[in-house]
PDB file of N, CA and C in Angstrom:
ATOM      1  N   MET A   1      15.814 -39.033   8.227  1.00  0.00           N
ATOM      2  CA  MET A   1      15.733 -37.660   7.853  1.00  0.00           C
ATOM      3  C   MET A   1      14.288 -37.239   8.089  1.00  0.00           C
ATOM      4  N   THR A   2      14.104 -36.075   8.727  1.00  0.00           N
ATOM      5  CA  THR A   2      12.766 -35.584   9.040  1.00  0.00           C
ATOM      6  C   THR A   2      12.611 -34.156   8.551  1.00  0.00           C
ATOM      7  N   LEU A   3      11.486 -33.898   7.900  1.00  0.00           N
ATOM      8  CA  LEU A   3      11.122 -32.564   7.460  1.00  0.00           C
ATOM      9  C   LEU A   3       9.985 -32.089   8.356  1.00  0.00           C
ATOM     10  N   LYS A   4      10.123 -30.909   8.936  1.00  0.00           N
ATOM     11  CA  LYS A   4       9.072 -30.337   9.768  1.00  0.00           C
ATOM     12  C   LYS A   4       8.636 -29.024   9.130  1.00  0.00           C
ATOM     13  N   VAL A   5       7.310 -28.869   8.997  1.00  0.00           N
ATOM     14  CA  VAL A   5       6.739 -27.656   8.429  1.00  0.00           C
ATOM     15  C   VAL A   5       5.763 -27.082   9.449  1.00  0.00           C
ATOM     16  N   LYS A   6       6.006 -25.836   9.836  1.00  0.00           N
ATOM     17  CA  LYS A   6       5.088 -25.120  10.722  1.00  0.00           C
ATOM     18  C   LYS A   6       4.439 -24.019   9.897  1.00  0.00           C
ATOM     19  N   TYR A   7       3.113 -24.053   9.876  1.00  0.00           N
ATOM     20  CA  TYR A   7       2.357 -23.095   9.079  1.00  0.00           C
ATOM     21  C   TYR A   7       2.032 -21.836   9.881  1.00  0.00           C
ATOM     22  N   ALA A   8       1.639 -20.802   9.155  1.00  0.00           N
ATOM     23  CA  ALA A   8       1.320 -19.515   9.771  1.00  0.00           C
ATOM     24  C   ALA A   8       0.173 -19.624  10.771  1.00  0.00           C
ATOM     25  N   ASP A   9      -0.733 -20.594  10.582  1.00  0.00           N
ATOM     26  CA  ASP A   9      -1.856 -20.776  11.507  1.00  0.00           C
ATOM     27  C   ASP A   9      -1.491 -21.678  12.694  1.00  0.00           C
ATOM     28  N   PHE A  10      -0.193 -21.969  12.859  1.00  0.00           N
ATOM     29  CA  PHE A  10       0.377 -22.753  13.951  1.00  0.00           C
ATOM     30  C   PHE A  10       0.097 -24.254  13.870  1.00  0.00           C
ATOM     31  N   ASN A  11      -0.472 -24.720  12.774  1.00  0.00           N
ATOM     32  CA  ASN A  11      -0.519 -26.161  12.528  1.00  0.00           C
ATOM     33  C   ASN A  11       0.863 -26.589  12.058  1.00  0.00           C
ATOM     34  N   GLN A  12       1.161 -27.856  12.258  1.00  0.00           N
ATOM     35  CA  GLN A  12       2.447 -28.346  11.784  1.00  0.00           C
ATOM     36  C   GLN A  12       2.317 -29.776  11.298  1.00  0.00           C
ATOM     37  N   ILE A  13       3.205 -30.138  10.379  1.00  0.00           N
ATOM     38  CA  ILE A  13       3.279 -31.506   9.870  1.00  0.00           C
ATOM     39  C   ILE A  13       4.738 -31.939   9.869  1.00  0.00           C
ATOM     40  N   THR A  14       4.947 -33.225   9.913  1.00  0.00           N
ATOM     41  CA  THR A  14       6.288 -33.782   9.754  1.00  0.00           C
ATOM     42  C   THR A  14       6.222 -34.909   8.738  1.00  0.00           C
ATOM     43  N   ARG A  15       7.279 -35.035   7.999  1.00  0.00           N
ATOM     44  CA  ARG A  15       7.442 -36.120   7.026  1.00  0.00           C
ATOM     45  C   ARG A  15       8.834 -36.680   7.237  1.00  0.00           C
ATOM     46  N   SER A  16       8.965 -37.999   7.154  1.00  0.00           N
ATOM     47  CA  SER A  16      10.296 -38.575   7.375  1.00  0.00           C
ATOM     48  C   SER A  16      10.579 -39.680   6.375  1.00  0.00           C
ATOM     49  N   LYS A  17      11.849 -39.946   6.230  1.00  0.00           N
ATOM     50  CA  LYS A  17      12.339 -40.991   5.328  1.00  0.00           C
ATOM     51  C   LYS A  17      13.544 -41.638   5.995  1.00  0.00           C
ATOM     52  N   THR A  18      13.535 -42.938   6.069  1.00  0.00           N
ATOM     53  CA  THR A  18      14.665 -43.688   6.617  1.00  0.00           C
ATOM     54  C   THR A  18      15.397 -44.361   5.464  1.00  0.00           C
ATOM     55  N   VAL A  19      16.690 -44.223   5.448  1.00  0.00           N
ATOM     56  CA  VAL A  19      17.498 -44.868   4.407  1.00  0.00           C
ATOM     57  C   VAL A  19      18.249 -46.038   5.029  1.00  0.00           C
ATOM     58  N   PRO A  20      18.482 -47.098   4.269  1.00  0.00           N
ATOM     59  CA  PRO A  20      19.094 -48.310   4.826  1.00  0.00           C
ATOM     60  C   PRO A  20      20.603 -48.222   5.078  1.00  0.00           C
ATOM     61  N   ALA A  21      21.254 -47.226   4.477  1.00  0.00           N
ATOM     62  CA  ALA A  21      22.713 -47.125   4.613  1.00  0.00           C
ATOM     63  C   ALA A  21      23.111 -45.650   4.600  1.00  0.00           C
ATOM     64  N   PRO A  22      24.309 -45.336   5.101  1.00  0.00           N
ATOM     65  CA  PRO A  22      24.776 -43.944   5.053  1.00  0.00           C
ATOM     66  C   PRO A  22      24.803 -43.424   3.621  1.00  0.00           C
ATOM     67  N   LEU A  23      24.506 -42.149   3.464  1.00  0.00           N
ATOM     68  CA  LEU A  23      24.498 -41.535   2.137  1.00  0.00           C
ATOM     69  C   LEU A  23      25.921 -41.156   1.737  1.00  0.00           C
ATOM     70  N   PRO A  24      26.334 -41.531   0.540  1.00  0.00           N
ATOM     71  CA  PRO A  24      27.715 -41.265   0.122  1.00  0.00           C
ATOM     72  C   PRO A  24      27.968 -39.840  -0.351  1.00  0.00           C
ATOM     73  N   ALA A  25      26.908 -39.101  -0.716  1.00  0.00           N
ATOM     74  CA  ALA A  25      27.129 -37.767  -1.287  1.00  0.00           C
ATOM     75  C   ALA A  25      26.005 -36.821  -0.891  1.00  0.00           C
ATOM     76  N   ILE A  26      26.298 -35.546  -0.905  1.00  0.00           N
ATOM     77  CA  ILE A  26      25.314 -34.517  -0.579  1.00  0.00           C
ATOM     78  C   ILE A  26      24.148 -34.554  -1.565  1.00  0.00           C
ATOM     79  N   ALA A  27      24.401 -34.926  -2.800  1.00  0.00           N
ATOM     80  CA  ALA A  27      23.339 -35.002  -3.805  1.00  0.00           C
ATOM     81  C   ALA A  27      22.259 -35.998  -3.386  1.00  0.00           C
ATOM     82  N   ASP A  28      22.652 -37.069  -2.732  1.00  0.00           N
ATOM     83  CA  ASP A  28      21.680 -38.058  -2.252  1.00  0.00           C
ATOM     84  C   ASP A  28      20.787 -37.456  -1.172  1.00  0.00           C
ATOM     85  N   LEU A  29      21.375 -36.692  -0.289  1.00  0.00           N
ATOM     86  CA  LEU A  29      20.629 -36.012   0.763  1.00  0.00           C
ATOM     87  C   LEU A  29      19.659 -35.005   0.153  1.00  0.00           C
ATOM     88  N   GLU A  30      20.126 -34.218  -0.793  1.00  0.00           N
ATOM     89  CA  GLU A  30      19.277 -33.226  -1.447  1.00  0.00           C
ATOM     90  C   GLU A  30      18.112 -33.877  -2.176  1.00  0.00           C
ATOM     91  N   GLU A  31      18.349 -35.027  -2.784  1.00  0.00           N
ATOM     92  CA  GLU A  31      17.284 -35.733  -3.503  1.00  0.00           C
ATOM     93  C   GLU A  31      16.183 -36.187  -2.541  1.00  0.00           C
ATOM     94  N   ILE A  32      16.567 -36.717  -1.400  1.00  0.00           N
ATOM     95  CA  ILE A  32      15.573 -37.163  -0.417  1.00  0.00           C
ATOM     96  C   ILE A  32      14.787 -35.974   0.119  1.00  0.00           C
ATOM     97  N   ILE A  33      15.463 -34.887   0.419  1.00  0.00           N
ATOM     98  CA  ILE A  33      14.781 -33.688   0.898  1.00  0.00           C
ATOM     99  C   ILE A  33      13.789 -33.191  -0.164  1.00  0.00           C
ATOM    100  N   SER A  34      14.199 -33.200  -1.411  1.00  0.00           N
ATOM    101  CA  SER A  34      13.307 -32.771  -2.497  1.00  0.00           C
ATOM    102  C   SER A  34      12.051 -33.628  -2.551  1.00  0.00           C
ATOM    103  N   HIS A  35      12.206 -34.944  -2.400  1.00  0.00           N
ATOM    104  CA  HIS A  35      11.049 -35.845  -2.415  1.00  0.00           C
ATOM    105  C   HIS A  35      10.114 -35.569  -1.239  1.00  0.00           C
ATOM    106  N   LEU A  36      10.667 -35.194  -0.096  1.00  0.00           N
ATOM    107  CA  LEU A  36       9.832 -34.861   1.053  1.00  0.00           C
ATOM    108  C   LEU A  36       9.102 -33.534   0.849  1.00  0.00           C
ATOM    109  N   LEU A  37       9.699 -32.618   0.095  1.00  0.00           N
ATOM    110  CA  LEU A  37       9.113 -31.299  -0.133  1.00  0.00           C
ATOM    111  C   LEU A  37       8.043 -31.284  -1.231  1.00  0.00           C
ATOM    112  N   VAL A  38       8.122 -32.187  -2.186  1.00  0.00           N
ATOM    113  CA  VAL A  38       7.222 -32.164  -3.350  1.00  0.00           C
ATOM    114  C   VAL A  38       5.745 -32.093  -2.957  1.00  0.00           C
ATOM    115  N   PRO A  39       5.247 -32.906  -2.036  1.00  0.00           N
ATOM    116  CA  PRO A  39       3.816 -32.841  -1.724  1.00  0.00           C
ATOM    117  C   PRO A  39       3.392 -31.551  -1.007  1.00  0.00           C
ATOM    118  N   ILE A  40       4.335 -30.809  -0.481  1.00  0.00           N
ATOM    119  CA  ILE A  40       4.028 -29.622   0.315  1.00  0.00           C
ATOM    120  C   ILE A  40       3.977 -28.359  -0.549  1.00  0.00           C
ATOM    121  N   PHE A  41       4.698 -28.350  -1.678  1.00  0.00           N
ATOM    122  CA  PHE A  41       4.775 -27.153  -2.507  1.00  0.00           C
ATOM    123  C   PHE A  41       3.984 -27.331  -3.790  1.00  0.00           C
ATOM    124  N   PRO A  42       3.312 -26.281  -4.248  1.00  0.00           N
ATOM    125  CA  PRO A  42       3.226 -24.957  -3.643  1.00  0.00           C
ATOM    126  C   PRO A  42       2.328 -25.011  -2.403  1.00  0.00           C
ATOM    127  N   PRO A  43       2.685 -24.245  -1.375  1.00  0.00           N
ATOM    128  CA  PRO A  43       1.903 -24.284  -0.130  1.00  0.00           C
ATOM    129  C   PRO A  43       0.539 -23.623  -0.294  1.00  0.00           C
ATOM    130  N   ARG A  44      -0.476 -24.206   0.350  1.00  0.00           N
ATOM    131  CA  ARG A  44      -1.825 -23.636   0.303  1.00  0.00           C
ATOM    132  C   ARG A  44      -1.996 -22.529   1.329  1.00  0.00           C
ATOM    133  N   LYS A  45      -1.106 -22.497   2.313  1.00  0.00           N
ATOM    134  CA  LYS A  45      -1.142 -21.444   3.331  1.00  0.00           C
ATOM    135  C   LYS A  45       0.292 -21.086   3.689  1.00  0.00           C
ATOM    136  N   GLY A  46       0.489 -19.964   4.356  1.00  0.00           N
ATOM    137  CA  GLY A  46       1.822 -19.484   4.670  1.00  0.00           C
ATOM    138  C   GLY A  46       2.607 -20.434   5.560  1.00  0.00           C
ATOM    139  N   ILE A  47       3.883 -20.527   5.310  1.00  0.00           N
ATOM    140  CA  ILE A  47       4.789 -21.346   6.112  1.00  0.00           C
ATOM    141  C   ILE A  47       5.653 -20.410   6.938  1.00  0.00           C
ATOM    142  N   ARG A  48       5.711 -20.647   8.262  1.00  0.00           N
ATOM    143  CA  ARG A  48       6.528 -19.797   9.122  1.00  0.00           C
ATOM    144  C   ARG A  48       7.838 -20.463   9.519  1.00  0.00           C
ATOM    145  N   LEU A  49       7.930 -21.790   9.372  1.00  0.00           N
ATOM    146  CA  LEU A  49       9.171 -22.491   9.697  1.00  0.00           C
ATOM    147  C   LEU A  49       9.261 -23.764   8.871  1.00  0.00           C
ATOM    148  N   LEU A  50      10.425 -23.987   8.317  1.00  0.00           N
ATOM    149  CA  LEU A  50      10.693 -25.188   7.542  1.00  0.00           C
ATOM    150  C   LEU A  50      12.019 -25.732   8.047  1.00  0.00           C
ATOM    151  N   GLY A  51      12.015 -26.957   8.550  1.00  0.00           N
ATOM    152  CA  GLY A  51      13.241 -27.512   9.115  1.00  0.00           C
ATOM    153  C   GLY A  51      13.507 -28.927   8.646  1.00  0.00           C
ATOM    154  N   VAL A  52      14.776 -29.254   8.548  1.00  0.00           N
ATOM    155  CA  VAL A  52      15.214 -30.610   8.198  1.00  0.00           C
ATOM    156  C   VAL A  52      16.145 -31.082   9.295  1.00  0.00           C
ATOM    157  N   SER A  53      15.910 -32.275   9.805  1.00  0.00           N
ATOM    158  CA  SER A  53      16.811 -32.838  10.809  1.00  0.00           C
ATOM    159  C   SER A  53      17.286 -34.212  10.357  1.00  0.00           C
ATOM    160  N   LEU A  54      18.493 -34.530  10.760  1.00  0.00           N
ATOM    161  CA  LEU A  54      19.100 -35.823  10.458  1.00  0.00           C
ATOM    162  C   LEU A  54      19.359 -36.529  11.778  1.00  0.00           C
ATOM    163  N   SER A  55      19.136 -37.829  11.809  1.00  0.00           N
ATOM    164  CA  SER A  55      19.373 -38.583  13.038  1.00  0.00           C
ATOM    165  C   SER A  55      20.024 -39.919  12.714  1.00  0.00           C
ATOM    166  N   SER A  56      20.494 -40.584  13.751  1.00  0.00           N
ATOM    167  CA  SER A  56      21.191 -41.868  13.620  1.00  0.00           C
ATOM    168  C   SER A  56      22.383 -41.752  12.674  1.00  0.00           C
ATOM    169  N   LEU A  57      23.144 -40.701  12.862  1.00  0.00           N
ATOM    170  CA  LEU A  57      24.309 -40.465  12.013  1.00  0.00           C
ATOM    171  C   LEU A  57      25.439 -41.401  12.395  1.00  0.00           C
ATOM    172  N   GLU A  58      26.241 -41.771  11.422  1.00  0.00           N
ATOM    173  CA  GLU A  58      27.393 -42.636  11.657  1.00  0.00           C
ATOM    174  C   GLU A  58      28.663 -41.892  11.298  1.00  0.00           C
ATOM    175  N   ARG A  59      29.690 -42.147  12.056  1.00  0.00           N
ATOM    176  CA  ARG A  59      30.983 -41.532  11.790  1.00  0.00           C
ATOM    177  C   ARG A  59      31.797 -42.469  10.901  1.00  0.00           C
ATOM    178  N   ARG A  60      32.461 -41.904   9.926  1.00  0.00           N
ATOM    179  CA  ARG A  60      33.330 -42.723   9.071  1.00  0.00           C
ATOM    180  C   ARG A  60      34.551 -43.142   9.865  1.00  0.00           C
ATOM    181  N   SER A  61      34.995 -44.349   9.644  1.00  0.00           N
ATOM    182  CA  SER A  61      36.116 -44.858  10.418  1.00  0.00           C
ATOM    183  C   SER A  61      37.474 -44.522   9.812  1.00  0.00           C
ATOM    184  N   SER A  62      37.519 -44.189   8.538  1.00  0.00           N
ATOM    185  CA  SER A  62      38.810 -43.924   7.901  1.00  0.00           C
ATOM    186  C   SER A  62      38.966 -42.446   7.564  1.00  0.00           C
ATOM    187  N   GLY A  63      39.928 -41.795   8.179  1.00  0.00           N
ATOM    188  CA  GLY A  63      40.249 -40.406   7.858  1.00  0.00           C
ATOM    189  C   GLY A  63      39.148 -39.429   8.226  1.00  0.00           C
ATOM    190  N   THR A  64      39.412 -38.196   7.951  1.00  0.00           N
ATOM    191  CA  THR A  64      38.411 -37.177   8.211  1.00  0.00           C
ATOM    192  C   THR A  64      37.932 -36.590   6.898  1.00  0.00           C
ATOM    193  N   GLU A  65      36.648 -36.442   6.768  1.00  0.00           N
ATOM    194  CA  GLU A  65      36.025 -35.882   5.578  1.00  0.00           C
ATOM    195  C   GLU A  65      35.570 -34.465   5.899  1.00  0.00           C
ATOM    196  N   PRO A  66      35.586 -33.570   4.924  1.00  0.00           N
ATOM    197  CA  PRO A  66      35.064 -32.228   5.168  1.00  0.00           C
ATOM    198  C   PRO A  66      33.554 -32.286   5.386  1.00  0.00           C
ATOM    199  N   GLN A  67      33.039 -31.369   6.184  1.00  0.00           N
ATOM    200  CA  GLN A  67      31.609 -31.320   6.430  1.00  0.00           C
ATOM    201  C   GLN A  67      30.904 -30.913   5.156  1.00  0.00           C
ATOM    202  N   LEU A  68      29.783 -31.584   4.854  1.00  0.00           N
ATOM    203  CA  LEU A  68      29.014 -31.275   3.656  1.00  0.00           C
ATOM    204  C   LEU A  68      28.192 -30.022   3.900  1.00  0.00           C
ATOM    205  N   ARG A  69      27.965 -29.247   2.841  1.00  0.00           N
ATOM    206  CA  ARG A  69      27.163 -28.024   2.939  1.00  0.00           C
ATOM    207  C   ARG A  69      25.862 -28.207   2.161  1.00  0.00           C
ATOM    208  N   LEU A  70      24.795 -27.644   2.691  1.00  0.00           N
ATOM    209  CA  LEU A  70      23.514 -27.646   2.000  1.00  0.00           C
ATOM    210  C   LEU A  70      23.385 -26.331   1.231  1.00  0.00           C
ATOM    211  N   ALA A  71      22.970 -26.420  -0.010  1.00  0.00           N
ATOM    212  CA  ALA A  71      22.782 -25.218  -0.819  1.00  0.00           C
ATOM    213  C   ALA A  71      21.354 -24.739  -0.641  1.00  0.00           C
ATOM    214  N   LEU A  72      21.135 -23.908   0.365  1.00  0.00           N
ATOM    215  CA  LEU A  72      19.771 -23.403   0.627  1.00  0.00           C
ATOM    216  C   LEU A  72      19.656 -21.969   0.203  1.00  0.00           C
TER     217      LEU A  72
END
């Protein structure tokens, strides 16, 4: 999971966290995102873009699950 922050002055930072296994619930994803955001807020300068990306995703082998939603 990667958090990218682009500031108003066009500087940018990224923070990432790798988890050892697939996350079983959206709450787990939200918790990791919160931990990545804590050092950044409150921002000292304006933020023009805030993005979260997920990589190395795995597909479940049994049945189909509904897509999880982020409460933003």
